[in-house]
């Protein structure tokens, strides 16, 4: 609906689109009420919300590793290993996203009991998370410099697992 204001200001075609584009290109300036576009990206494990139409390569590679765990069949370790239940994959992805946002890719592995193992390690810190099931984690954190360790009784919540992972990431 045109207003009196719209009728009194005439601009060249595309003027307002260019101005909006200029404002959006500066992360500090956003038009009031502007909602950024959000994309729903199906990872094969769950749907991620992103402000970009595709995921960065580090996300793609980690998601592929987690997704591949679903293809393991009974006895995948040549013994009696259990397959990884599909229900263990979304909780693994949920925790991994915290580290991927910081540019830290985990090592991903399956355990013979069907759990998902996630590891992060650098010269100063070590963090391990075992996904036991939906929203059930076993975690261990070690600061190699100070000697501090945290090994809470399992299972812990996603919140506690994220807290320890952020402690690892705070370098």
C-alpha atoms as a PDB file:
ATOM      1  CA  UNK A   1       0.000   0.000   0.000  1.00  0.00           C
ATOM      2  CA  UNK A   2       1.479   3.323  -1.058  1.00  0.00           C
ATOM      3  CA  UNK A   3       1.615   6.111   1.491  1.00  0.00           C
ATOM      4  CA  UNK A   4       1.934   9.847   0.973  1.00  0.00           C
ATOM      5  CA  UNK A   5       5.626   9.436   1.900  1.00  0.00           C
ATOM      6  CA  UNK A   6       6.130   6.851  -0.874  1.00  0.00           C
ATOM      7  CA  UNK A   7       4.550   9.140  -3.425  1.00  0.00           C
ATOM      8  CA  UNK A   8       6.723  12.150  -2.559  1.00  0.00           C
ATOM      9  CA  UNK A   9      10.079  10.378  -2.815  1.00  0.00           C
ATOM     10  CA  UNK A  10      11.004   9.042  -6.200  1.00  0.00           C
ATOM     11  CA  UNK A  11      14.238   7.165  -6.591  1.00  0.00           C
ATOM     12  CA  UNK A  12      15.856   5.355  -9.461  1.00  0.00           C
ATOM     13  CA  UNK A  13      14.800   1.724  -9.927  1.00  0.00           C
ATOM     14  CA  UNK A  14      16.708  -0.513  -7.514  1.00  0.00           C
ATOM     15  CA  UNK A  15      17.723   2.338  -5.198  1.00  0.00           C
ATOM     16  CA  UNK A  16      16.164   0.866  -2.058  1.00  0.00           C
ATOM     17  CA  UNK A  17      17.416  -2.651  -2.883  1.00  0.00           C
ATOM     18  CA  UNK A  18      20.992  -1.300  -3.191  1.00  0.00           C
ATOM     19  CA  UNK A  19      20.658   0.623   0.076  1.00  0.00           C
ATOM     20  CA  UNK A  20      19.334  -2.467   1.854  1.00  0.00           C
ATOM     21  CA  UNK A  21      22.159  -4.528   0.395  1.00  0.00           C
ATOM     22  CA  UNK A  22      24.707  -1.947   1.599  1.00  0.00           C
ATOM     23  CA  UNK A  23      23.270  -2.065   5.104  1.00  0.00           C
ATOM     24  CA  UNK A  24      23.210  -5.850   5.219  1.00  0.00           C
ATOM     25  CA  UNK A  25      26.825  -6.086   4.092  1.00  0.00           C
ATOM     26  CA  UNK A  26      27.884  -4.260   7.240  1.00  0.00           C
ATOM     27  CA  UNK A  27      27.373  -6.668  10.134  1.00  0.00           C
ATOM     28  CA  UNK A  28      26.981  -3.764  12.556  1.00  0.00           C
ATOM     29  CA  UNK A  29      24.157  -2.091  10.623  1.00  0.00           C
ATOM     30  CA  UNK A  30      20.869  -3.843  10.113  1.00  0.00           C
ATOM     31  CA  UNK A  31      17.536  -2.228   9.320  1.00  0.00           C
ATOM     32  CA  UNK A  32      15.194  -2.318  12.314  1.00  0.00           C
ATOM     33  CA  UNK A  33      12.831  -5.235  12.029  1.00  0.00           C
ATOM     34  CA  UNK A  34      14.975  -6.902   9.372  1.00  0.00           C
ATOM     35  CA  UNK A  35      14.819 -10.667   9.682  1.00  0.00           C
ATOM     36  CA  UNK A  36      17.738 -12.488   8.124  1.00  0.00           C
ATOM     37  CA  UNK A  37      16.924 -15.338   5.779  1.00  0.00           C
ATOM     38  CA  UNK A  38      17.128 -18.786   7.325  1.00  0.00           C
ATOM     39  CA  UNK A  39      17.658 -22.012   5.442  1.00  0.00           C
ATOM     40  CA  UNK A  40      16.654 -25.468   6.652  1.00  0.00           C
ATOM     41  CA  UNK A  41      19.378 -27.918   5.648  1.00  0.00           C
ATOM     42  CA  UNK A  42      18.648 -31.632   5.886  1.00  0.00           C
ATOM     43  CA  UNK A  43      21.822 -33.397   7.003  1.00  0.00           C
ATOM     44  CA  UNK A  44      20.429 -36.908   6.879  1.00  0.00           C
ATOM     45  CA  UNK A  45      20.674 -36.892  10.696  1.00  0.00           C
ATOM     46  CA  UNK A  46      18.511 -33.894  11.410  1.00  0.00           C
ATOM     47  CA  UNK A  47      17.625 -30.504  10.027  1.00  0.00           C
ATOM     48  CA  UNK A  48      19.968 -27.595  10.733  1.00  0.00           C
ATOM     49  CA  UNK A  49      18.928 -23.967  10.583  1.00  0.00           C
ATOM     50  CA  UNK A  50      21.513 -21.800   8.832  1.00  0.00           C
ATOM     51  CA  UNK A  51      21.773 -18.274   7.506  1.00  0.00           C
ATOM     52  CA  UNK A  52      23.553 -19.697   4.441  1.00  0.00           C
ATOM     53  CA  UNK A  53      22.068 -22.029   1.811  1.00  0.00           C
ATOM     54  CA  UNK A  54      24.809 -24.629   2.266  1.00  0.00           C
ATOM     55  CA  UNK A  55      27.100 -25.744   5.052  1.00  0.00           C
ATOM     56  CA  UNK A  56      30.854 -25.055   5.244  1.00  0.00           C
ATOM     57  CA  UNK A  57      33.115 -28.001   4.263  1.00  0.00           C
ATOM     58  CA  UNK A  58      34.130 -28.710   7.877  1.00  0.00           C
ATOM     59  CA  UNK A  59      30.439 -29.284   8.708  1.00  0.00           C
ATOM     60  CA  UNK A  60      29.890 -31.487   5.662  1.00  0.00           C
ATOM     61  CA  UNK A  61      32.863 -33.713   6.462  1.00  0.00           C
ATOM     62  CA  UNK A  62      31.944 -34.161  10.135  1.00  0.00           C
ATOM     63  CA  UNK A  63      28.276 -34.811   9.382  1.00  0.00           C
ATOM     64  CA  UNK A  64      29.306 -37.433   6.801  1.00  0.00           C
ATOM     65  CA  UNK A  65      31.444 -39.208   9.427  1.00  0.00           C
ATOM     66  CA  UNK A  66      28.587 -39.252  11.934  1.00  0.00           C
ATOM     67  CA  UNK A  67      26.078 -40.356   9.280  1.00  0.00           C
ATOM     68  CA  UNK A  68      28.401 -43.229   8.225  1.00  0.00           C
ATOM     69  CA  UNK A  69      28.100 -44.737  11.709  1.00  0.00           C
ATOM     70  CA  UNK A  70      24.486 -45.658  10.902  1.00  0.00           C
ATOM     71  CA  UNK A  71      25.771 -48.018   8.187  1.00  0.00           C
ATOM     72  CA  UNK A  72      27.673 -50.213  10.656  1.00  0.00           C
ATOM     73  CA  UNK A  73      26.021 -53.599  11.041  1.00  0.00           C
ATOM     74  CA  UNK A  74      26.174 -56.025  13.939  1.00  0.00           C
ATOM     75  CA  UNK A  75      29.701 -57.364  14.343  1.00  0.00           C
ATOM     76  CA  UNK A  76      31.263 -54.478  12.392  1.00  0.00           C
ATOM     77  CA  UNK A  77      34.448 -54.899  14.467  1.00  0.00           C
ATOM     78  CA  UNK A  78      34.789 -58.591  13.477  1.00  0.00           C
ATOM     79  CA  UNK A  79      33.545 -59.564  16.926  1.00  0.00           C
ATOM     80  CA  UNK A  80      30.158 -58.840  18.453  1.00  0.00           C
ATOM     81  CA  UNK A  81      29.953 -55.057  18.202  1.00  0.00           C
ATOM     82  CA  UNK A  82      26.485 -53.584  18.253  1.00  0.00           C
ATOM     83  CA  UNK A  83      25.334 -51.299  15.460  1.00  0.00           C
ATOM     84  CA  UNK A  84      25.017 -47.625  16.346  1.00  0.00           C
ATOM     85  CA  UNK A  85      21.318 -46.900  16.937  1.00  0.00           C
ATOM     86  CA  UNK A  86      20.037 -44.102  14.679  1.00  0.00           C
ATOM     87  CA  UNK A  87      18.767 -42.348  17.828  1.00  0.00           C
ATOM     88  CA  UNK A  88      22.416 -41.752  18.892  1.00  0.00           C
ATOM     89  CA  UNK A  89      23.268 -39.689  15.809  1.00  0.00           C
ATOM     90  CA  UNK A  90      21.246 -36.471  16.415  1.00  0.00           C
ATOM     91  CA  UNK A  91      22.636 -36.056  19.970  1.00  0.00           C
ATOM     92  CA  UNK A  92      26.152 -36.465  18.564  1.00  0.00           C
ATOM     93  CA  UNK A  93      25.481 -33.813  15.935  1.00  0.00           C
ATOM     94  CA  UNK A  94      23.950 -31.479  18.524  1.00  0.00           C
ATOM     95  CA  UNK A  95      27.143 -31.532  20.599  1.00  0.00           C
ATOM     96  CA  UNK A  96      29.477 -31.384  17.600  1.00  0.00           C
ATOM     97  CA  UNK A  97      27.830 -28.191  16.321  1.00  0.00           C
ATOM     98  CA  UNK A  98      29.238 -26.288  19.320  1.00  0.00           C
ATOM     99  CA  UNK A  99      32.789 -27.127  18.259  1.00  0.00           C
ATOM    100  CA  UNK A 100      32.192 -26.721  14.523  1.00  0.00           C
ATOM    101  CA  UNK A 101      31.015 -23.154  15.126  1.00  0.00           C
ATOM    102  CA  UNK A 102      34.455 -22.560  16.673  1.00  0.00           C
ATOM    103  CA  UNK A 103      36.185 -24.296  13.732  1.00  0.00           C
ATOM    104  CA  UNK A 104      37.123 -27.415  15.718  1.00  0.00           C
ATOM    105  CA  UNK A 105      36.452 -30.726  13.998  1.00  0.00           C
ATOM    106  CA  UNK A 106      36.228 -33.826  16.217  1.00  0.00           C
ATOM    107  CA  UNK A 107      37.460 -37.313  15.651  1.00  0.00           C
ATOM    108  CA  UNK A 108      34.364 -39.483  15.303  1.00  0.00           C
ATOM    109  CA  UNK A 109      34.190 -43.197  16.050  1.00  0.00           C
ATOM    110  CA  UNK A 110      31.763 -45.925  17.015  1.00  0.00           C
ATOM    111  CA  UNK A 111      32.176 -47.956  20.157  1.00  0.00           C
ATOM    112  CA  UNK A 112      31.483 -51.686  20.279  1.00  0.00           C
ATOM    113  CA  UNK A 113      28.517 -51.059  22.595  1.00  0.00           C
ATOM    114  CA  UNK A 114      26.791 -48.915  19.926  1.00  0.00           C
ATOM    115  CA  UNK A 115      27.665 -45.552  21.416  1.00  0.00           C
ATOM    116  CA  UNK A 116      29.215 -42.662  19.460  1.00  0.00           C
ATOM    117  CA  UNK A 117      32.673 -41.442  20.519  1.00  0.00           C
ATOM    118  CA  UNK A 118      33.709 -37.840  19.901  1.00  0.00           C
ATOM    119  CA  UNK A 119      37.266 -36.653  20.646  1.00  0.00           C
ATOM    120  CA  UNK A 120      38.990 -33.287  20.560  1.00  0.00           C
ATOM    121  CA  UNK A 121      42.636 -32.874  21.503  1.00  0.00           C
ATOM    122  CA  UNK A 122      45.326 -30.227  21.253  1.00  0.00           C
ATOM    123  CA  UNK A 123      48.632 -29.599  23.040  1.00  0.00           C
ATOM    124  CA  UNK A 124      46.894 -28.075  26.061  1.00  0.00           C
ATOM    125  CA  UNK A 125      43.525 -29.792  26.409  1.00  0.00           C
ATOM    126  CA  UNK A 126      41.633 -33.013  25.820  1.00  0.00           C
ATOM    127  CA  UNK A 127      37.868 -33.574  25.640  1.00  0.00           C
ATOM    128  CA  UNK A 128      36.012 -36.829  25.056  1.00  0.00           C
ATOM    129  CA  UNK A 129      32.259 -37.282  24.815  1.00  0.00           C
ATOM    130  CA  UNK A 130      30.456 -40.581  24.488  1.00  0.00           C
ATOM    131  CA  UNK A 131      26.881 -40.388  23.259  1.00  0.00           C
ATOM    132  CA  UNK A 132      25.072 -43.087  25.223  1.00  0.00           C
ATOM    133  CA  UNK A 133      21.630 -42.256  23.852  1.00  0.00           C
ATOM    134  CA  UNK A 134      19.301 -39.336  23.295  1.00  0.00           C
ATOM    135  CA  UNK A 135      20.452 -36.520  25.610  1.00  0.00           C
ATOM    136  CA  UNK A 136      22.718 -38.890  27.562  1.00  0.00           C
ATOM    137  CA  UNK A 137      26.448 -38.265  27.476  1.00  0.00           C
ATOM    138  CA  UNK A 138      29.545 -39.452  29.262  1.00  0.00           C
ATOM    139  CA  UNK A 139      32.240 -36.773  29.199  1.00  0.00           C
ATOM    140  CA  UNK A 140      35.826 -36.248  30.267  1.00  0.00           C
ATOM    141  CA  UNK A 141      37.831 -33.021  30.176  1.00  0.00           C
ATOM    142  CA  UNK A 142      41.540 -32.567  30.916  1.00  0.00           C
ATOM    143  CA  UNK A 143      43.638 -29.400  30.933  1.00  0.00           C
ATOM    144  CA  UNK A 144      47.164 -30.718  30.378  1.00  0.00           C
ATOM    145  CA  UNK A 145      48.773 -27.428  31.429  1.00  0.00           C
ATOM    146  CA  UNK A 146      47.100 -27.035  34.826  1.00  0.00           C
ATOM    147  CA  UNK A 147      46.431 -30.710  35.464  1.00  0.00           C
ATOM    148  CA  UNK A 148      42.718 -29.992  35.987  1.00  0.00           C
ATOM    149  CA  UNK A 149      40.361 -32.834  35.118  1.00  0.00           C
ATOM    150  CA  UNK A 150      36.620 -33.142  35.159  1.00  0.00           C
ATOM    151  CA  UNK A 151      35.000 -36.556  34.900  1.00  0.00           C
ATOM    152  CA  UNK A 152      31.382 -36.214  36.066  1.00  0.00           C
ATOM    153  CA  UNK A 153      29.281 -39.280  36.800  1.00  0.00           C
ATOM    154  CA  UNK A 154      27.508 -40.483  33.673  1.00  0.00           C
ATOM    155  CA  UNK A 155      25.073 -39.847  32.234  1.00  0.00           C
ATOM    156  CA  UNK A 156      25.258 -36.069  31.985  1.00  0.00           C
ATOM    157  CA  UNK A 157      22.919 -33.728  30.153  1.00  0.00           C
ATOM    158  CA  UNK A 158      23.589 -32.012  26.864  1.00  0.00           C
ATOM    159  CA  UNK A 159      23.980 -28.769  28.820  1.00  0.00           C
ATOM    160  CA  UNK A 160      26.806 -30.211  30.961  1.00  0.00           C
ATOM    161  CA  UNK A 161      28.469 -31.780  27.911  1.00  0.00           C
ATOM    162  CA  UNK A 162      28.354 -28.416  26.101  1.00  0.00           C
ATOM    163  CA  UNK A 163      29.798 -26.629  29.156  1.00  0.00           C
ATOM    164  CA  UNK A 164      32.832 -28.919  29.243  1.00  0.00           C
ATOM    165  CA  UNK A 165      33.274 -28.740  25.471  1.00  0.00           C
ATOM    166  CA  UNK A 166      33.252 -24.925  25.659  1.00  0.00           C
ATOM    167  CA  UNK A 167      35.870 -25.174  28.400  1.00  0.00           C
ATOM    168  CA  UNK A 168      37.998 -27.208  26.006  1.00  0.00           C
ATOM    169  CA  UNK A 169      37.441 -24.664  23.219  1.00  0.00           C
ATOM    170  CA  UNK A 170      38.419 -21.704  25.445  1.00  0.00           C
ATOM    171  CA  UNK A 171      42.098 -21.656  24.563  1.00  0.00           C
END
